[in-house]
N, C-alpha and C. Protein backbone atom coordinates (compact mmCIF):
# COMPACT_ATOMS: atom_id res chain seq x y z
N MET A 1 9.85 -3.95 18.95
CA MET A 1 10.34 -2.74 18.20
C MET A 1 9.56 -2.51 16.94
N TYR A 2 9.40 -1.24 16.52
CA TYR A 2 8.58 -0.98 15.34
C TYR A 2 9.27 -0.09 14.34
N LEU A 3 8.85 -0.15 13.19
CA LEU A 3 9.42 0.69 12.16
C LEU A 3 8.29 1.70 11.73
N TYR A 4 8.59 2.99 11.94
CA TYR A 4 7.60 4.09 11.82
C TYR A 4 8.02 4.78 10.53
N ARG A 5 7.00 5.03 9.76
CA ARG A 5 7.14 6.01 8.46
C ARG A 5 6.39 7.32 8.94
N LEU A 6 7.17 8.35 9.12
CA LEU A 6 6.69 9.74 9.47
C LEU A 6 6.79 10.67 8.25
N GLU A 7 5.89 11.68 8.31
CA GLU A 7 5.93 12.72 7.32
C GLU A 7 5.99 14.05 8.14
N ALA A 8 7.02 14.89 7.68
CA ALA A 8 7.17 16.20 8.34
C ALA A 8 6.93 17.32 7.35
N GLU A 9 6.02 18.18 7.71
CA GLU A 9 5.87 19.44 6.93
C GLU A 9 6.65 20.57 7.56
N THR A 10 7.75 20.94 6.86
CA THR A 10 8.78 21.93 7.47
C THR A 10 8.91 23.04 6.46
N SER A 11 9.68 24.04 7.14
CA SER A 11 10.05 25.18 6.34
C SER A 11 10.92 24.76 5.15
N ALA A 12 11.60 23.63 5.13
CA ALA A 12 12.38 23.06 4.05
C ALA A 12 11.55 22.21 3.05
N GLY A 13 10.35 22.04 3.32
CA GLY A 13 9.49 21.25 2.47
C GLY A 13 8.95 20.06 3.09
N LEU A 14 8.29 19.15 2.34
CA LEU A 14 7.72 17.90 3.00
C LEU A 14 8.91 16.86 2.99
N LEU A 15 9.05 16.17 4.16
CA LEU A 15 10.11 15.16 4.38
C LEU A 15 9.40 13.74 4.78
N ALA A 16 9.99 12.73 4.29
CA ALA A 16 9.54 11.40 4.62
C ALA A 16 10.72 10.91 5.51
N ILE A 17 10.37 10.30 6.70
CA ILE A 17 11.41 9.86 7.62
C ILE A 17 10.93 8.51 8.12
N VAL A 18 12.00 7.62 8.18
CA VAL A 18 11.79 6.19 8.56
C VAL A 18 12.57 5.95 9.87
N ILE A 19 11.99 5.54 10.87
CA ILE A 19 12.58 5.42 12.23
C ILE A 19 12.23 4.10 12.87
N ALA A 20 13.28 3.43 13.41
CA ALA A 20 13.09 2.24 14.30
C ALA A 20 13.03 2.63 15.75
N ALA A 21 11.87 2.31 16.43
CA ALA A 21 11.76 2.78 17.86
C ALA A 21 10.80 1.80 18.51
N GLU A 22 10.92 1.95 19.92
CA GLU A 22 9.94 1.07 20.78
C GLU A 22 8.59 1.65 20.81
N GLY A 23 8.48 2.84 20.66
CA GLY A 23 7.11 3.55 20.79
C GLY A 23 6.97 4.83 20.08
N GLU A 24 5.78 5.41 20.01
CA GLU A 24 5.53 6.59 19.31
C GLU A 24 6.41 7.73 19.77
N GLU A 25 6.43 7.99 21.09
CA GLU A 25 7.20 9.04 21.70
C GLU A 25 8.69 9.03 21.24
N GLN A 26 9.32 7.86 21.28
CA GLN A 26 10.49 7.69 20.80
C GLN A 26 10.76 7.87 19.35
N ALA A 27 9.71 7.46 18.59
CA ALA A 27 9.85 7.81 17.08
C ALA A 27 9.84 9.27 16.83
N PHE A 28 8.93 10.01 17.49
CA PHE A 28 8.86 11.50 17.25
C PHE A 28 10.16 12.09 17.65
N ALA A 29 10.73 11.74 18.81
CA ALA A 29 12.03 12.32 19.26
C ALA A 29 13.11 12.03 18.32
N ALA A 30 13.23 10.76 17.85
CA ALA A 30 14.29 10.44 16.95
C ALA A 30 14.12 11.07 15.65
N ALA A 31 12.92 11.37 15.09
CA ALA A 31 12.68 11.90 13.88
C ALA A 31 13.19 13.40 13.93
N GLU A 32 12.85 14.07 15.04
CA GLU A 32 13.25 15.42 15.17
C GLU A 32 14.76 15.57 15.33
N GLU A 33 15.39 14.60 16.03
CA GLU A 33 16.82 14.65 16.14
C GLU A 33 17.50 14.43 14.78
N HIS A 34 16.96 13.57 13.92
CA HIS A 34 17.60 13.29 12.64
C HIS A 34 17.33 14.49 11.78
N MET A 35 16.28 15.25 11.85
CA MET A 35 16.01 16.42 11.03
C MET A 35 17.10 17.47 11.50
N GLN A 36 17.21 17.59 12.79
CA GLN A 36 18.30 18.63 13.24
C GLN A 36 19.75 18.38 12.81
N ARG A 37 20.08 17.10 12.70
CA ARG A 37 21.34 16.62 12.21
C ARG A 37 21.50 16.76 10.69
N HIS A 38 20.43 16.58 10.03
CA HIS A 38 20.43 16.53 8.54
C HIS A 38 20.60 17.92 7.93
N PHE A 39 20.00 18.94 8.48
CA PHE A 39 19.90 20.20 8.02
C PHE A 39 20.62 21.25 8.91
N LEU A 40 21.39 22.13 8.35
CA LEU A 40 21.95 23.33 9.08
C LEU A 40 21.47 24.67 8.45
N PRO A 41 20.79 25.47 9.13
CA PRO A 41 20.04 25.17 10.32
C PRO A 41 18.98 24.31 10.24
N ALA A 42 18.53 23.81 11.37
CA ALA A 42 17.30 22.91 11.43
C ALA A 42 16.07 23.58 10.89
N PRO A 43 15.28 22.88 10.01
CA PRO A 43 14.02 23.64 9.58
C PRO A 43 12.92 23.77 10.68
N GLU A 44 12.05 24.75 10.51
CA GLU A 44 10.89 24.83 11.44
C GLU A 44 9.92 23.60 11.12
N VAL A 45 9.63 22.89 12.12
CA VAL A 45 8.65 21.74 11.85
C VAL A 45 7.22 22.38 12.13
N LEU A 46 6.40 22.27 11.09
CA LEU A 46 5.06 22.67 11.12
C LEU A 46 4.11 21.61 11.50
N GLU A 47 4.33 20.45 11.15
CA GLU A 47 3.62 19.29 11.38
C GLU A 47 4.37 17.98 11.29
N LEU A 48 4.28 17.08 12.24
CA LEU A 48 4.99 15.80 12.25
C LEU A 48 4.08 14.71 12.55
N ILE A 49 3.78 13.76 11.55
CA ILE A 49 2.78 12.78 11.84
C ILE A 49 3.33 11.36 11.53
N ILE A 50 2.71 10.31 12.25
CA ILE A 50 3.01 9.01 11.86
C ILE A 50 2.07 8.56 10.71
N VAL A 51 2.63 8.06 9.63
CA VAL A 51 1.84 7.61 8.53
C VAL A 51 1.56 6.08 8.59
N GLU A 52 2.54 5.40 8.91
CA GLU A 52 2.49 3.87 9.01
C GLU A 52 3.40 3.41 10.21
N LYS A 53 3.00 2.23 10.66
CA LYS A 53 3.74 1.64 11.83
C LYS A 53 3.69 0.13 11.57
N LYS A 54 4.99 -0.59 11.48
CA LYS A 54 5.06 -2.01 11.24
C LYS A 54 5.87 -2.52 12.45
N ARG A 55 5.60 -3.76 12.78
CA ARG A 55 6.58 -4.44 13.57
C ARG A 55 7.77 -4.88 12.83
N ILE A 56 8.86 -4.76 13.35
CA ILE A 56 10.16 -5.01 12.70
C ILE A 56 10.27 -6.58 12.52
N THR A 57 10.34 -7.00 11.27
CA THR A 57 10.52 -8.40 11.00
C THR A 57 11.34 -8.52 9.76
N PRO A 58 11.98 -9.47 9.54
CA PRO A 58 12.87 -9.65 8.28
C PRO A 58 12.03 -9.24 7.09
N GLY A 59 12.62 -8.35 6.30
CA GLY A 59 11.92 -7.87 5.04
C GLY A 59 10.96 -6.70 5.26
N ALA A 60 10.71 -6.30 6.52
CA ALA A 60 9.90 -5.12 6.71
C ALA A 60 10.51 -3.84 6.14
N GLY A 61 9.72 -3.00 5.56
CA GLY A 61 10.30 -1.85 4.81
C GLY A 61 9.08 -1.00 4.33
N TYR A 62 9.46 0.09 3.61
CA TYR A 62 8.45 1.05 3.06
C TYR A 62 9.01 1.33 1.66
N VAL A 63 7.98 1.65 0.89
CA VAL A 63 8.38 2.29 -0.43
C VAL A 63 7.97 3.67 -0.46
N ILE A 64 8.81 4.65 -0.65
CA ILE A 64 8.48 6.07 -0.54
C ILE A 64 8.71 6.73 -1.84
N GLN A 65 7.49 7.21 -2.44
CA GLN A 65 7.52 7.76 -3.76
C GLN A 65 7.81 9.27 -3.63
N PRO A 66 8.87 9.70 -4.29
CA PRO A 66 9.22 11.14 -4.24
C PRO A 66 8.03 12.09 -4.68
N GLY A 67 7.89 13.12 -3.96
CA GLY A 67 6.69 14.06 -4.35
C GLY A 67 5.50 13.74 -3.68
N ASN A 68 5.38 12.79 -2.95
CA ASN A 68 4.02 12.23 -2.26
C ASN A 68 4.15 12.31 -0.65
């Protein structure tokens, strides 16, 4: 399993999303699902990209700087 850091350019602005998934397809699907649950109504997704991918191990994580 991997930890993915994705960035989404949406009609609501730039979003940083962290997802645990087995593969890239599952990471994209989970990210879209989380955005739909977080916003009402769901924002239009203009671009969704994987920025980083790490194998899940104790202590694995990301630092996300607001505004970047």
